[in-house]
Each structure stands twice: as structure tokens, then as C-alpha cells.
Amino acid sequence: MAYVVTDACKKDFVCVAECSTAAIAPAQADAALGTVSQVFINPDECIDCGNCASVCECNAIFPEGDLPADKAHFADQNRAYFN
């Protein structure tokens, strides 16, 4: 199970810095940054460590299985960003 970023994301990049597998994108220097309203977690690279969620001050990151019902579609959005 991967973690998922939702629309509460403020793009402060604290989670990006904490991710030990570099599964969160885009990075601050990435040209794609201006085209998205949040960062995304690659479910194929996420190792389910929870480091990202533990530092997220806006509570935008959830384990996929714990996503609130109204945020469930963000699992597909995170996945789609990397496809």
C-alpha cells in the first residue's frame, strides 16, 4: 500500500525532502512544478514508511487504505501523474 497526497497539499516540499526513495514529485526545481497544484507519490516507488505523512503540516498525506471517502479519487490522480 502506498501513501497518497490529496488536495490539501501546499507544495512546501518538506515531504519531498523526507522521502527516502524519491517517490514524490515534482521536485522544487522540476519544470513541471508550475503545471500542478500539488505533489504526487509514485505508488510503485513508495515503500510505505510514512516519513512523508509524519512531516506534512497540512495533513494532506494518507495511507491509501485510510483515505477519506471524499478523497479516494486522489489515489488514481497520484498514480496517473507517473503514467
Protein backbone atom coordinates (compact mmCIF):
# COMPACT_ATOMS: atom_id res chain seq x y z
CA MET A 1 0.00 0.00 0.00
CA ALA A 2 1.31 3.45 -0.89
CA TYR A 3 0.74 6.83 0.62
CA VAL A 4 -1.38 9.35 -1.30
CA VAL A 5 -1.22 13.15 -1.46
CA THR A 6 -4.56 14.96 -1.51
CA ASP A 7 -5.69 18.49 -2.43
CA ALA A 8 -4.75 19.87 0.99
CA CYS A 9 -1.13 19.89 -0.25
CA LYS A 10 0.57 23.30 -0.03
CA LYS A 11 3.66 22.27 -2.06
CA ASP A 12 6.06 23.12 0.76
CA PHE A 13 8.33 20.19 -0.27
CA VAL A 14 9.01 19.04 3.29
CA CYS A 15 7.65 15.61 2.34
CA VAL A 16 9.87 15.50 -0.77
CA ALA A 17 12.95 16.02 1.40
CA GLU A 18 11.85 13.26 3.81
CA CYS A 19 11.15 10.62 1.16
CA SER A 20 13.95 8.05 1.26
CA THR A 21 13.04 6.59 -2.15
CA ALA A 22 12.46 9.85 -4.07
CA ALA A 23 8.91 8.68 -4.79
CA ILE A 24 7.41 12.19 -4.51
CA ALA A 25 7.33 14.54 -7.49
CA PRO A 26 7.64 17.08 -8.83
CA ALA A 27 10.65 18.45 -7.01
CA GLN A 28 11.08 22.18 -6.47
CA ALA A 29 13.46 22.51 -9.42
CA ASP A 30 11.27 20.46 -11.78
CA ALA A 31 9.83 22.34 -14.74
CA ALA A 32 6.51 20.50 -14.24
CA LEU A 33 6.01 22.21 -10.89
CA GLY A 34 4.10 25.15 -12.35
CA THR A 35 1.62 22.86 -14.08
CA VAL A 36 0.31 21.09 -10.96
CA SER A 37 -1.38 22.23 -7.77
CA GLN A 38 0.20 19.59 -5.54
CA VAL A 39 2.93 16.98 -5.35
CA PHE A 40 2.26 13.29 -6.03
CA ILE A 41 3.55 9.98 -4.66
CA ASN A 42 4.54 7.24 -7.07
CA PRO A 43 2.79 4.12 -5.75
CA ASP A 44 5.36 1.86 -7.43
CA GLU A 45 8.26 3.52 -5.57
CA CYS A 46 6.61 4.26 -2.21
CA ILE A 47 7.80 1.82 0.48
CA ASP A 48 5.03 2.75 2.92
CA CYS A 49 7.42 4.13 5.54
CA GLY A 50 5.20 7.08 6.49
CA ASN A 51 8.03 9.63 6.67
CA CYS A 52 6.17 11.96 4.31
CA ALA A 53 2.93 11.89 6.30
CA SER A 54 4.73 12.45 9.59
CA VAL A 55 6.17 15.78 8.41
CA CYS A 56 3.16 17.05 6.44
CA GLU A 57 1.88 20.04 8.39
CA CYS A 58 -1.28 20.37 6.27
CA ASN A 59 -2.34 16.73 6.78
CA ALA A 60 -2.53 16.13 3.05
CA ILE A 61 -0.96 12.66 3.02
CA PHE A 62 -2.76 9.42 3.88
CA PRO A 63 -2.08 5.71 3.54
CA GLU A 64 -4.16 4.64 0.54
CA GLY A 65 -6.33 2.40 2.69
CA ASP A 66 -7.13 5.27 5.07
CA LEU A 67 -8.16 7.88 2.51
CA PRO A 68 -11.43 9.58 3.46
CA ALA A 69 -14.21 8.63 1.03
CA ASP A 70 -14.30 12.13 -0.47
CA LYS A 71 -10.55 11.93 -1.18
CA ALA A 72 -10.42 8.41 -2.63
CA HIS A 73 -10.02 9.70 -6.19
CA PHE A 74 -6.62 11.14 -5.28
CA ALA A 75 -5.13 7.62 -5.31
CA ASP A 76 -5.87 7.49 -9.05
CA GLN A 77 -4.57 11.04 -9.55
CA ASN A 78 -1.27 10.23 -7.83
CA ARG A 79 -0.91 7.07 -9.93
CA ALA A 80 -1.83 8.88 -13.17
CA TYR A 81 0.85 11.54 -12.66
CA PHE A 82 3.51 8.87 -13.11
CA ASN A 83 1.92 7.07 -16.08
